[in-house]
Amino acid sequence: MKHMQENFDDSCEELTILRWFRDNFVSKEDINHYYETAPIIVEAIDKIKNNSHIYNYIYDNVVNACVIAIKKGDYEFAYNRYKNSILTLEEQFARPFLEQKFVKVLKLKVNS
């Protein structure tokens, strides 16, 4: 949502609904995992040129899909969409990004 901050503020309907859902339905383990992983995913996506299509996809297929499901009371769909999306985004963006950083650190240590 930070990428789309010109369209949304911190108290927008989407974030309010998602925070309520997080606080009432998401496990502490999944919340902790999200807060550890999400910044890495965002950092990796931010490094991609023309990344707005990625953020728009995430908004449409994760954020908005979950908000609609939560409003309908379909908490199982929302939870599964959220959890599967985080795992997929982690695999697509965080893992390769972390591997690149790790290789750079190793190269620096070898050359030192």
PDB file of N, CA and C in Angstrom:
ATOM      1  N   MET A   1       0.825  -1.194   0.000  1.00  0.00           N
ATOM      2  CA  MET A   1       0.000   0.000   0.000  1.00  0.00           C
ATOM      3  C   MET A   1       0.868   1.257   0.000  1.00  0.00           C
ATOM      4  N   LYS A   2       2.076   1.156   0.528  1.00  0.00           N
ATOM      5  CA  LYS A   2       2.957   2.317   0.554  1.00  0.00           C
ATOM      6  C   LYS A   2       3.237   2.790  -0.871  1.00  0.00           C
ATOM      7  N   HIS A   3       3.361   1.858  -1.804  1.00  0.00           N
ATOM      8  CA  HIS A   3       3.618   2.208  -3.197  1.00  0.00           C
ATOM      9  C   HIS A   3       2.449   3.001  -3.780  1.00  0.00           C
ATOM     10  N   MET A   4       1.270   2.782  -3.255  1.00  0.00           N
ATOM     11  CA  MET A   4       0.071   3.435  -3.784  1.00  0.00           C
ATOM     12  C   MET A   4      -0.434   4.522  -2.836  1.00  0.00           C
ATOM     13  N   GLN A   5       0.445   5.099  -2.043  1.00  0.00           N
ATOM     14  CA  GLN A   5       0.030   6.024  -0.990  1.00  0.00           C
ATOM     15  C   GLN A   5      -0.666   7.273  -1.515  1.00  0.00           C
ATOM     16  N   GLU A   6      -0.465   7.622  -2.788  1.00  0.00           N
ATOM     17  CA  GLU A   6      -1.184   8.787  -3.318  1.00  0.00           C
ATOM     18  C   GLU A   6      -2.683   8.498  -3.435  1.00  0.00           C
ATOM     19  N   ASN A   7      -3.047   7.202  -3.497  1.00  0.00           N
ATOM     20  CA  ASN A   7      -4.457   6.823  -3.606  1.00  0.00           C
ATOM     21  C   ASN A   7      -5.058   6.403  -2.259  1.00  0.00           C
ATOM     22  N   PHE A   8      -4.209   6.074  -1.292  1.00  0.00           N
ATOM     23  CA  PHE A   8      -4.678   5.551  -0.018  1.00  0.00           C
ATOM     24  C   PHE A   8      -3.897   6.203   1.114  1.00  0.00           C
ATOM     25  N   ASP A   9      -4.570   6.430   2.237  1.00  0.00           N
ATOM     26  CA  ASP A   9      -3.838   6.881   3.407  1.00  0.00           C
ATOM     27  C   ASP A   9      -3.831   5.758   4.443  1.00  0.00           C
ATOM     28  N   ASP A  10      -3.185   5.994   5.556  1.00  0.00           N
ATOM     29  CA  ASP A  10      -3.003   4.947   6.554  1.00  0.00           C
ATOM     30  C   ASP A  10      -4.312   4.500   7.210  1.00  0.00           C
ATOM     31  N   SER A  11      -5.345   5.298   7.067  1.00  0.00           N
ATOM     32  CA  SER A  11      -6.631   4.913   7.659  1.00  0.00           C
ATOM     33  C   SER A  11      -7.685   4.602   6.601  1.00  0.00           C
ATOM     34  N   CYS A  12      -7.239   4.265   5.402  1.00  0.00           N
ATOM     35  CA  CYS A  12      -8.186   3.944   4.333  1.00  0.00           C
ATOM     36  C   CYS A  12      -8.981   2.679   4.684  1.00  0.00           C
ATOM     37  N   GLU A  13     -10.073   2.500   3.992  1.00  0.00           N
ATOM     38  CA  GLU A  13     -10.957   1.362   4.267  1.00  0.00           C
ATOM     39  C   GLU A  13     -10.218   0.030   4.149  1.00  0.00           C
ATOM     40  N   GLU A  14      -9.419  -0.126   3.107  1.00  0.00           N
ATOM     41  CA  GLU A  14      -8.708  -1.389   2.891  1.00  0.00           C
ATOM     42  C   GLU A  14      -7.810  -1.737   4.078  1.00  0.00           C
ATOM     43  N   LEU A  15      -6.994  -0.773   4.508  1.00  0.00           N
ATOM     44  CA  LEU A  15      -6.079  -1.052   5.615  1.00  0.00           C
ATOM     45  C   LEU A  15      -6.827  -1.270   6.925  1.00  0.00           C
ATOM     46  N   THR A  16      -7.902  -0.538   7.127  1.00  0.00           N
ATOM     47  CA  THR A  16      -8.703  -0.722   8.340  1.00  0.00           C
ATOM     48  C   THR A  16      -9.286  -2.136   8.380  1.00  0.00           C
ATOM     49  N   ILE A  17      -9.837  -2.586   7.272  1.00  0.00           N
ATOM     50  CA  ILE A  17     -10.417  -3.935   7.199  1.00  0.00           C
ATOM     51  C   ILE A  17      -9.330  -4.993   7.355  1.00  0.00           C
ATOM     52  N   LEU A  18      -8.207  -4.816   6.676  1.00  0.00           N
ATOM     53  CA  LEU A  18      -7.128  -5.806   6.758  1.00  0.00           C
ATOM     54  C   LEU A  18      -6.517  -5.866   8.159  1.00  0.00           C
ATOM     55  N   ARG A  19      -6.402  -4.733   8.817  1.00  0.00           N
ATOM     56  CA  ARG A  19      -5.879  -4.746  10.197  1.00  0.00           C
ATOM     57  C   ARG A  19      -6.843  -5.469  11.137  1.00  0.00           C
ATOM     58  N   TRP A  20      -8.130  -5.216  10.961  1.00  0.00           N
ATOM     59  CA  TRP A  20      -9.132  -5.907  11.786  1.00  0.00           C
ATOM     60  C   TRP A  20      -9.025  -7.415  11.565  1.00  0.00           C
ATOM     61  N   PHE A  21      -8.904  -7.805  10.307  1.00  0.00           N
ATOM     62  CA  PHE A  21      -8.788  -9.225   9.976  1.00  0.00           C
ATOM     63  C   PHE A  21      -7.522  -9.816  10.589  1.00  0.00           C
ATOM     64  N   ARG A  22      -6.409  -9.115  10.427  1.00  0.00           N
ATOM     65  CA  ARG A  22      -5.136  -9.569  11.007  1.00  0.00           C
ATOM     66  C   ARG A  22      -5.281  -9.791  12.507  1.00  0.00           C
ATOM     67  N   ASP A  23      -5.857  -8.830  13.190  1.00  0.00           N
ATOM     68  CA  ASP A  23      -5.958  -8.886  14.648  1.00  0.00           C
ATOM     69  C   ASP A  23      -6.927  -9.951  15.140  1.00  0.00           C
ATOM     70  N   ASN A  24      -7.853 -10.371  14.295  1.00  0.00           N
ATOM     71  CA  ASN A  24      -8.882 -11.313  14.722  1.00  0.00           C
ATOM     72  C   ASN A  24      -8.763 -12.715  14.133  1.00  0.00           C
ATOM     73  N   PHE A  25      -8.028 -12.870  13.021  1.00  0.00           N
ATOM     74  CA  PHE A  25      -8.036 -14.170  12.353  1.00  0.00           C
ATOM     75  C   PHE A  25      -6.663 -14.725  11.963  1.00  0.00           C
ATOM     76  N   VAL A  26      -5.655 -13.887  11.909  1.00  0.00           N
ATOM     77  CA  VAL A  26      -4.343 -14.353  11.448  1.00  0.00           C
ATOM     78  C   VAL A  26      -3.520 -14.781  12.658  1.00  0.00           C
ATOM     79  N   SER A  27      -2.852 -15.924  12.532  1.00  0.00           N
ATOM     80  CA  SER A  27      -2.054 -16.442  13.642  1.00  0.00           C
ATOM     81  C   SER A  27      -0.856 -15.532  13.912  1.00  0.00           C
ATOM     82  N   LYS A  28      -0.402 -15.511  15.156  1.00  0.00           N
ATOM     83  CA  LYS A  28       0.769 -14.711  15.528  1.00  0.00           C
ATOM     84  C   LYS A  28       1.992 -15.128  14.721  1.00  0.00           C
ATOM     85  N   GLU A  29       2.103 -16.423  14.456  1.00  0.00           N
ATOM     86  CA  GLU A  29       3.223 -16.931  13.654  1.00  0.00           C
ATOM     87  C   GLU A  29       3.187 -16.331  12.244  1.00  0.00           C
ATOM     88  N   ASP A  30       2.008 -16.307  11.623  1.00  0.00           N
ATOM     89  CA  ASP A  30       1.897 -15.735  10.282  1.00  0.00           C
ATOM     90  C   ASP A  30       2.122 -14.223  10.289  1.00  0.00           C
ATOM     91  N   ILE A  31       1.668 -13.557  11.336  1.00  0.00           N
ATOM     92  CA  ILE A  31       1.890 -12.109  11.449  1.00  0.00           C
ATOM     93  C   ILE A  31       3.386 -11.823  11.559  1.00  0.00           C
ATOM     94  N   ASN A  32       4.072 -12.558  12.413  1.00  0.00           N
ATOM     95  CA  ASN A  32       5.523 -12.373  12.561  1.00  0.00           C
ATOM     96  C   ASN A  32       6.253 -12.648  11.258  1.00  0.00           C
ATOM     97  N   HIS A  33       5.849 -13.717  10.582  1.00  0.00           N
ATOM     98  CA  HIS A  33       6.472 -14.055   9.295  1.00  0.00           C
ATOM     99  C   HIS A  33       6.265 -12.924   8.295  1.00  0.00           C
ATOM    100  N   TYR A  34       5.057 -12.389   8.244  1.00  0.00           N
ATOM    101  CA  TYR A  34       4.755 -11.288   7.333  1.00  0.00           C
ATOM    102  C   TYR A  34       5.658 -10.090   7.619  1.00  0.00           C
ATOM    103  N   TYR A  35       5.769  -9.697   8.885  1.00  0.00           N
ATOM    104  CA  TYR A  35       6.559  -8.512   9.218  1.00  0.00           C
ATOM    105  C   TYR A  35       8.058  -8.726   9.004  1.00  0.00           C
ATOM    106  N   GLU A  36       8.500  -9.958   9.002  1.00  0.00           N
ATOM    107  CA  GLU A  36       9.901 -10.248   8.673  1.00  0.00           C
ATOM    108  C   GLU A  36      10.117 -10.273   7.164  1.00  0.00           C
ATOM    109  N   THR A  37       9.155 -10.793   6.424  1.00  0.00           N
ATOM    110  CA  THR A  37       9.307 -11.033   4.994  1.00  0.00           C
ATOM    111  C   THR A  37       8.874  -9.853   4.127  1.00  0.00           C
ATOM    112  N   ALA A  38       7.789  -9.191   4.482  1.00  0.00           N
ATOM    113  CA  ALA A  38       7.231  -8.133   3.634  1.00  0.00           C
ATOM    114  C   ALA A  38       8.243  -7.040   3.283  1.00  0.00           C
ATOM    115  N   PRO A  39       9.040  -6.539   4.233  1.00  0.00           N
ATOM    116  CA  PRO A  39      10.007  -5.499   3.855  1.00  0.00           C
ATOM    117  C   PRO A  39      11.034  -5.988   2.822  1.00  0.00           C
ATOM    118  N   ILE A  40      11.394  -7.239   2.888  1.00  0.00           N
ATOM    119  CA  ILE A  40      12.349  -7.807   1.921  1.00  0.00           C
ATOM    120  C   ILE A  40      11.696  -7.905   0.550  1.00  0.00           C
ATOM    121  N   ILE A  41      10.441  -8.345   0.523  1.00  0.00           N
ATOM    122  CA  ILE A  41       9.696  -8.440  -0.740  1.00  0.00           C
ATOM    123  C   ILE A  41       9.576  -7.052  -1.366  1.00  0.00           C
ATOM    124  N   VAL A  42       9.190  -6.072  -0.572  1.00  0.00           N
ATOM    125  CA  VAL A  42       9.027  -4.706  -1.076  1.00  0.00           C
ATOM    126  C   VAL A  42      10.359  -4.157  -1.576  1.00  0.00           C
ATOM    127  N   GLU A  43      11.423  -4.380  -0.833  1.00  0.00           N
ATOM    128  CA  GLU A  43      12.743  -3.898  -1.267  1.00  0.00           C
ATOM    129  C   GLU A  43      13.137  -4.515  -2.602  1.00  0.00           C
ATOM    130  N   ALA A  44      12.872  -5.800  -2.767  1.00  0.00           N
ATOM    131  CA  ALA A  44      13.197  -6.470  -4.022  1.00  0.00           C
ATOM    132  C   ALA A  44      12.349  -5.936  -5.172  1.00  0.00           C
ATOM    133  N   ILE A  45      11.057  -5.770  -4.944  1.00  0.00           N
ATOM    134  CA  ILE A  45      10.174  -5.248  -6.001  1.00  0.00           C
ATOM    135  C   ILE A  45      10.557  -3.813  -6.339  1.00  0.00           C
ATOM    136  N   ASP A  46      10.895  -3.018  -5.345  1.00  0.00           N
ATOM    137  CA  ASP A  46      11.276  -1.623  -5.587  1.00  0.00           C
ATOM    138  C   ASP A  46      12.492  -1.513  -6.503  1.00  0.00           C
ATOM    139  N   LYS A  47      13.334  -2.507  -6.528  1.00  0.00           N
ATOM    140  CA  LYS A  47      14.534  -2.483  -7.368  1.00  0.00           C
ATOM    141  C   LYS A  47      14.236  -2.846  -8.829  1.00  0.00           C
ATOM    142  N   ILE A  48      13.021  -3.299  -9.104  1.00  0.00           N
ATOM    143  CA  ILE A  48      12.623  -3.666 -10.462  1.00  0.00           C
ATOM    144  C   ILE A  48      12.100  -2.427 -11.177  1.00  0.00           C
ATOM    145  N   LYS A  49      12.609  -2.192 -12.386  1.00  0.00           N
ATOM    146  CA  LYS A  49      12.111  -1.067 -13.172  1.00  0.00           C
ATOM    147  C   LYS A  49      10.643  -1.299 -13.508  1.00  0.00           C
ATOM    148  N   ASN A  50       9.904  -0.220 -13.594  1.00  0.00           N
ATOM    149  CA  ASN A  50       8.477  -0.287 -13.956  1.00  0.00           C
ATOM    150  C   ASN A  50       7.727  -1.296 -13.098  1.00  0.00           C
ATOM    151  N   ASN A  51       7.900  -1.207 -11.810  1.00  0.00           N
ATOM    152  CA  ASN A  51       7.314  -2.179 -10.889  1.00  0.00           C
ATOM    153  C   ASN A  51       5.840  -1.927 -10.587  1.00  0.00           C
ATOM    154  N   SER A  52       5.267  -0.871 -11.130  1.00  0.00           N
ATOM    155  CA  SER A  52       3.871  -0.558 -10.807  1.00  0.00           C
ATOM    156  C   SER A  52       2.928  -1.677 -11.231  1.00  0.00           C
ATOM    157  N   HIS A  53       3.244  -2.403 -12.300  1.00  0.00           N
ATOM    158  CA  HIS A  53       2.366  -3.520 -12.708  1.00  0.00           C
ATOM    159  C   HIS A  53       2.377  -4.638 -11.654  1.00  0.00           C
ATOM    160  N   ILE A  54       3.494  -4.810 -10.965  1.00  0.00           N
ATOM    161  CA  ILE A  54       3.567  -5.813  -9.893  1.00  0.00           C
ATOM    162  C   ILE A  54       2.716  -5.359  -8.716  1.00  0.00           C
ATOM    163  N   TYR A  55       2.867  -4.098  -8.322  1.00  0.00           N
ATOM    164  CA  TYR A  55       2.082  -3.589  -7.200  1.00  0.00           C
ATOM    165  C   TYR A  55       0.584  -3.567  -7.529  1.00  0.00           C
ATOM    166  N   ASN A  56       0.245  -3.229  -8.760  1.00  0.00           N
ATOM    167  CA  ASN A  56      -1.168  -3.250  -9.153  1.00  0.00           C
ATOM    168  C   ASN A  56      -1.728  -4.671  -9.094  1.00  0.00           C
ATOM    169  N   TYR A  57      -0.932  -5.636  -9.529  1.00  0.00           N
ATOM    170  CA  TYR A  57      -1.356  -7.040  -9.453  1.00  0.00           C
ATOM    171  C   TYR A  57      -1.588  -7.450  -7.996  1.00  0.00           C
ATOM    172  N   ILE A  58      -0.663  -7.078  -7.124  1.00  0.00           N
ATOM    173  CA  ILE A  58      -0.800  -7.416  -5.702  1.00  0.00           C
ATOM    174  C   ILE A  58      -2.048  -6.759  -5.130  1.00  0.00           C
ATOM    175  N   TYR A  59      -2.271  -5.507  -5.479  1.00  0.00           N
ATOM    176  CA  TYR A  59      -3.466  -4.835  -4.969  1.00  0.00           C
ATOM    177  C   TYR A  59      -4.728  -5.557  -5.453  1.00  0.00           C
ATOM    178  N   ASP A  60      -4.820  -5.787  -6.738  1.00  0.00           N
ATOM    179  CA  ASP A  60      -6.034  -6.398  -7.308  1.00  0.00           C
ATOM    180  C   ASP A  60      -6.271  -7.814  -6.813  1.00  0.00           C
ATOM    181  N   ASN A  61      -5.213  -8.609  -6.771  1.00  0.00           N
ATOM    182  CA  ASN A  61      -5.362 -10.037  -6.517  1.00  0.00           C
ATOM    183  C   ASN A  61      -5.141 -10.473  -5.073  1.00  0.00           C
ATOM    184  N   VAL A  62      -4.590  -9.589  -4.270  1.00  0.00           N
ATOM    185  CA  VAL A  62      -4.398  -9.926  -2.861  1.00  0.00           C
ATOM    186  C   VAL A  62      -5.205  -8.956  -1.994  1.00  0.00           C
ATOM    187  N   VAL A  63      -4.811  -7.706  -1.994  1.00  0.00           N
ATOM    188  CA  VAL A  63      -5.449  -6.728  -1.107  1.00  0.00           C
ATOM    189  C   VAL A  63      -6.947  -6.641  -1.383  1.00  0.00           C
ATOM    190  N   ASN A  64      -7.309  -6.290  -2.594  1.00  0.00           N
ATOM    191  CA  ASN A  64      -8.724  -6.098  -2.911  1.00  0.00           C
ATOM    192  C   ASN A  64      -9.503  -7.409  -2.812  1.00  0.00           C
ATOM    193  N   ALA A  65      -8.919  -8.500  -3.271  1.00  0.00           N
ATOM    194  CA  ALA A  65      -9.599  -9.802  -3.180  1.00  0.00           C
ATOM    195  C   ALA A  65      -9.871 -10.171  -1.727  1.00  0.00           C
ATOM    196  N   CYS A  66      -8.911  -9.926  -0.860  1.00  0.00           N
ATOM    197  CA  CYS A  66      -9.107 -10.225   0.568  1.00  0.00           C
ATOM    198  C   CYS A  66     -10.142  -9.300   1.188  1.00  0.00           C
ATOM    199  N   VAL A  67     -10.095  -8.020   0.858  1.00  0.00           N
ATOM    200  CA  VAL A  67     -11.064  -7.069   1.415  1.00  0.00           C
ATOM    201  C   VAL A  67     -12.481  -7.463   1.016  1.00  0.00           C
ATOM    202  N   ILE A  68     -12.690  -7.809  -0.240  1.00  0.00           N
ATOM    203  CA  ILE A  68     -14.021  -8.228  -0.702  1.00  0.00           C
ATOM    204  C   ILE A  68     -14.476  -9.477   0.050  1.00  0.00           C
ATOM    205  N   ALA A  69     -13.577 -10.444   0.184  1.00  0.00           N
ATOM    206  CA  ALA A  69     -13.925 -11.682   0.894  1.00  0.00           C
ATOM    207  C   ALA A  69     -14.248 -11.404   2.357  1.00  0.00           C
ATOM    208  N   ILE A  70     -13.471 -10.555   3.007  1.00  0.00           N
ATOM    209  CA  ILE A  70     -13.707 -10.237   4.418  1.00  0.00           C
ATOM    210  C   ILE A  70     -15.071  -9.558   4.570  1.00  0.00           C
ATOM    211  N   LYS A  71     -15.373  -8.621   3.685  1.00  0.00           N
ATOM    212  CA  LYS A  71     -16.674  -7.944   3.751  1.00  0.00           C
ATOM    213  C   LYS A  71     -17.832  -8.936   3.613  1.00  0.00           C
ATOM    214  N   LYS A  72     -17.624  -9.993   2.829  1.00  0.00           N
ATOM    215  CA  LYS A  72     -18.651 -11.019   2.644  1.00  0.00           C
ATOM    216  C   LYS A  72     -18.661 -12.037   3.789  1.00  0.00           C
ATOM    217  N   GLY A  73     -17.661 -11.972   4.656  1.00  0.00           N
ATOM    218  CA  GLY A  73     -17.556 -12.931   5.747  1.00  0.00           C
ATOM    219  C   GLY A  73     -16.866 -14.220   5.347  1.00  0.00           C
ATOM    220  N   ASP A  74     -16.224 -14.221   4.183  1.00  0.00           N
ATOM    221  CA  ASP A  74     -15.505 -15.406   3.713  1.00  0.00           C
ATOM    222  C   ASP A  74     -14.063 -15.338   4.207  1.00  0.00           C
ATOM    223  N   TYR A  75     -13.913 -15.521   5.519  1.00  0.00           N
ATOM    224  CA  TYR A  75     -12.613 -15.374   6.157  1.00  0.00           C
ATOM    225  C   TYR A  75     -11.635 -16.463   5.739  1.00  0.00           C
ATOM    226  N   GLU A  76     -12.138 -17.640   5.449  1.00  0.00           N
ATOM    227  CA  GLU A  76     -11.256 -18.730   5.020  1.00  0.00           C
ATOM    228  C   GLU A  76     -10.596 -18.390   3.686  1.00  0.00           C
ATOM    229  N   PHE A  77     -11.387 -17.891   2.737  1.00  0.00           N
ATOM    230  CA  PHE A  77     -10.811 -17.484   1.452  1.00  0.00           C
ATOM    231  C   PHE A  77      -9.755 -16.393   1.668  1.00  0.00           C
ATOM    232  N   ALA A  78     -10.113 -15.379   2.463  1.00  0.00           N
ATOM    233  CA  ALA A  78      -9.194 -14.258   2.691  1.00  0.00           C
ATOM    234  C   ALA A  78      -7.884 -14.739   3.318  1.00  0.00           C
ATOM    235  N   TYR A  79      -7.992 -15.610   4.308  1.00  0.00           N
ATOM    236  CA  TYR A  79      -6.791 -16.114   4.980  1.00  0.00           C
ATOM    237  C   TYR A  79      -5.922 -16.933   4.015  1.00  0.00           C
ATOM    238  N   ASN A  80      -6.564 -17.812   3.260  1.00  0.00           N
ATOM    239  CA  ASN A  80      -5.804 -18.633   2.306  1.00  0.00           C
ATOM    240  C   ASN A  80      -5.181 -17.783   1.202  1.00  0.00           C
ATOM    241  N   ARG A  81      -5.915 -16.806   0.699  1.00  0.00           N
ATOM    242  CA  ARG A  81      -5.363 -15.935  -0.347  1.00  0.00           C
ATOM    243  C   ARG A  81      -4.167 -15.165   0.201  1.00  0.00           C
ATOM    244  N   TYR A  82      -4.321 -14.625   1.407  1.00  0.00           N
ATOM    245  CA  TYR A  82      -3.235 -13.872   2.041  1.00  0.00           C
ATOM    246  C   TYR A  82      -2.005 -14.757   2.236  1.00  0.00           C
ATOM    247  N   LYS A  83      -2.205 -15.905   2.860  1.00  0.00           N
ATOM    248  CA  LYS A  83      -1.074 -16.770   3.206  1.00  0.00           C
ATOM    249  C   LYS A  83      -0.373 -17.302   1.951  1.00  0.00           C
ATOM    250  N   ASN A  84      -1.130 -17.789   0.992  1.00  0.00           N
ATOM    251  CA  ASN A  84      -0.542 -18.302  -0.247  1.00  0.00           C
ATOM    252  C   ASN A  84       0.172 -17.200  -1.025  1.00  0.00           C
ATOM    253  N   SER A  85      -0.388 -16.007  -0.993  1.00  0.00           N
ATOM    254  CA  SER A  85       0.238 -14.892  -1.707  1.00  0.00           C
ATOM    255  C   SER A  85       1.561 -14.502  -1.085  1.00  0.00           C
ATOM    256  N   ILE A  86       1.617 -14.449   0.231  1.00  0.00           N
ATOM    257  CA  ILE A  86       2.870 -14.117   0.911  1.00  0.00           C
ATOM    258  C   ILE A  86       3.942 -15.156   0.582  1.00  0.00           C
ATOM    259  N   LEU A  87       3.568 -16.418   0.621  1.00  0.00           N
ATOM    260  CA  LEU A  87       4.538 -17.475   0.313  1.00  0.00           C
ATOM    261  C   LEU A  87       5.014 -17.394  -1.135  1.00  0.00           C
ATOM    262  N   THR A  88       4.103 -17.113  -2.052  1.00  0.00           N
ATOM    263  CA  THR A  88       4.464 -16.984  -3.465  1.00  0.00           C
ATOM    264  C   THR A  88       5.358 -15.772  -3.690  1.00  0.00           C
ATOM    265  N   LEU A  89       4.994 -14.640  -3.112  1.00  0.00           N
ATOM    266  CA  LEU A  89       5.808 -13.430  -3.259  1.00  0.00           C
ATOM    267  C   LEU A  89       7.189 -13.613  -2.640  1.00  0.00           C
ATOM    268  N   GLU A  90       7.229 -14.311  -1.534  1.00  0.00           N
ATOM    269  CA  GLU A  90       8.511 -14.598  -0.892  1.00  0.00           C
ATOM    270  C   GLU A  90       9.396 -15.426  -1.826  1.00  0.00           C
ATOM    271  N   GLU A  91       8.809 -16.430  -2.423  1.00  0.00           N
ATOM    272  CA  GLU A  91       9.567 -17.296  -3.336  1.00  0.00           C
ATOM    273  C   GLU A  91      10.011 -16.519  -4.580  1.00  0.00           C
ATOM    274  N   GLN A  92       9.124 -15.691  -5.113  1.00  0.00           N
ATOM    275  CA  GLN A  92       9.427 -14.945  -6.340  1.00  0.00           C
ATOM    276  C   GLN A  92      10.442 -13.835  -6.121  1.00  0.00           C
ATOM    277  N   PHE A  93      10.312 -13.113  -5.019  1.00  0.00           N
ATOM    278  CA  PHE A  93      11.089 -11.888  -4.854  1.00  0.00           C
ATOM    279  C   PHE A  93      12.084 -11.927  -3.702  1.00  0.00           C
ATOM    280  N   ALA A  94      11.679 -12.392  -2.546  1.00  0.00           N
ATOM    281  CA  ALA A  94      12.558 -12.322  -1.378  1.00  0.00           C
ATOM    282  C   ALA A  94      13.718 -13.299  -1.482  1.00  0.00           C
ATOM    283  N   ARG A  95      13.422 -14.536  -1.817  1.00  0.00           N
ATOM    284  CA  ARG A  95      14.484 -15.540  -1.851  1.00  0.00           C
ATOM    285  C   ARG A  95      15.598 -15.170  -2.837  1.00  0.00           C
ATOM    286  N   PRO A  96      15.269 -14.842  -4.105  1.00  0.00           N
ATOM    287  CA  PRO A  96      16.354 -14.465  -5.025  1.00  0.00           C
ATOM    288  C   PRO A  96      17.106 -13.210  -4.568  1.00  0.00           C
ATOM    289  N   PHE A  97      16.383 -12.259  -3.999  1.00  0.00           N
ATOM    290  CA  PHE A  97      16.995 -11.028  -3.517  1.00  0.00           C
ATOM    291  C   PHE A  97      17.968 -11.317  -2.382  1.00  0.00           C
ATOM    292  N   LEU A  98      17.553 -12.143  -1.430  1.00  0.00           N
ATOM    293  CA  LEU A  98      18.421 -12.506  -0.314  1.00  0.00           C
ATOM    294  C   LEU A  98      19.626 -13.311  -0.786  1.00  0.00           C
ATOM    295  N   GLU A  99      19.414 -14.183  -1.756  1.00  0.00           N
ATOM    296  CA  GLU A  99      20.532 -14.961  -2.299  1.00  0.00           C
ATOM    297  C   GLU A  99      21.560 -14.040  -2.950  1.00  0.00           C
ATOM    298  N   GLN A 100      21.091 -13.042  -3.701  1.00  0.00           N
ATOM    299  CA  GLN A 100      22.008 -12.082  -4.327  1.00  0.00           C
ATOM    300  C   GLN A 100      22.808 -11.330  -3.262  1.00  0.00           C
ATOM    301  N   LYS A 101      22.123 -10.871  -2.230  1.00  0.00           N
ATOM    302  CA  LYS A 101      22.809 -10.147  -1.158  1.00  0.00           C
ATOM    303  C   LYS A 101      23.839 -11.047  -0.476  1.00  0.00           C
ATOM    304  N   PHE A 102      23.473 -12.295  -0.244  1.00  0.00           N
ATOM    305  CA  PHE A 102      24.356 -13.242   0.409  1.00  0.00           C
ATOM    306  C   PHE A 102      25.609 -13.488  -0.439  1.00  0.00           C
ATOM    307  N   VAL A 103      25.428 -13.663  -1.735  1.00  0.00           N
ATOM    308  CA  VAL A 103      26.563 -13.885  -2.637  1.00  0.00           C
ATOM    309  C   VAL A 103      27.482 -12.666  -2.633  1.00  0.00           C
ATOM    310  N   LYS A 104      26.922 -11.466  -2.645  1.00  0.00           N
ATOM    311  CA  LYS A 104      27.745 -10.254  -2.605  1.00  0.00           C
ATOM    312  C   LYS A 104      28.555 -10.181  -1.317  1.00  0.00           C
ATOM    313  N   VAL A 105      27.959 -10.529  -0.207  1.00  0.00           N
ATOM    314  CA  VAL A 105      28.654 -10.513   1.075  1.00  0.00           C
ATOM    315  C   VAL A 105      29.781 -11.542   1.070  1.00  0.00           C
ATOM    316  N   LEU A 106      29.492 -12.722   0.554  1.00  0.00           N
ATOM    317  CA  LEU A 106      30.522 -13.763   0.474  1.00  0.00           C
ATOM    318  C   LEU A 106      31.689 -13.318  -0.397  1.00  0.00           C
ATOM    319  N   LYS A 107      31.385 -12.696  -1.532  1.00  0.00           N
ATOM    320  CA  LYS A 107      32.451 -12.221  -2.422  1.00  0.00           C
ATOM    321  C   LYS A 107      33.307 -11.169  -1.734  1.00  0.00           C
ATOM    322  N   LEU A 108      32.649 -10.291  -0.990  1.00  0.00           N
ATOM    323  CA  LEU A 108      33.405  -9.270  -0.258  1.00  0.00           C
ATOM    324  C   LEU A 108      34.318  -9.894   0.775  1.00  0.00           C
ATOM    325  N   LYS A 109      33.842 -10.914   1.477  1.00  0.00           N
ATOM    326  CA  LYS A 109      34.652 -11.574   2.504  1.00  0.00           C
ATOM    327  C   LYS A 109      35.823 -12.319   1.884  1.00  0.00           C
ATOM    328  N   VAL A 110      35.607 -12.943   0.715  1.00  0.00           N
ATOM    329  CA  VAL A 110      36.659 -13.687   0.048  1.00  0.00           C
ATOM    330  C   VAL A 110      37.751 -12.728  -0.457  1.00  0.00           C
ATOM    331  N   ASN A 111      37.332 -11.571  -0.949  1.00  0.00           N
ATOM    332  CA  ASN A 111      38.279 -10.597  -1.481  1.00  0.00           C
ATOM    333  C   ASN A 111      38.977  -9.786  -0.397  1.00  0.00           C
ATOM    334  N   SER A 112      38.515  -9.855   0.824  1.00  0.00           N
ATOM    335  CA  SER A 112      39.108  -9.044   1.908  1.00  0.00           C
ATOM    336  C   SER A 112      40.405  -9.606   2.381  1.00  0.00           C
TER     337      SER A 112
END
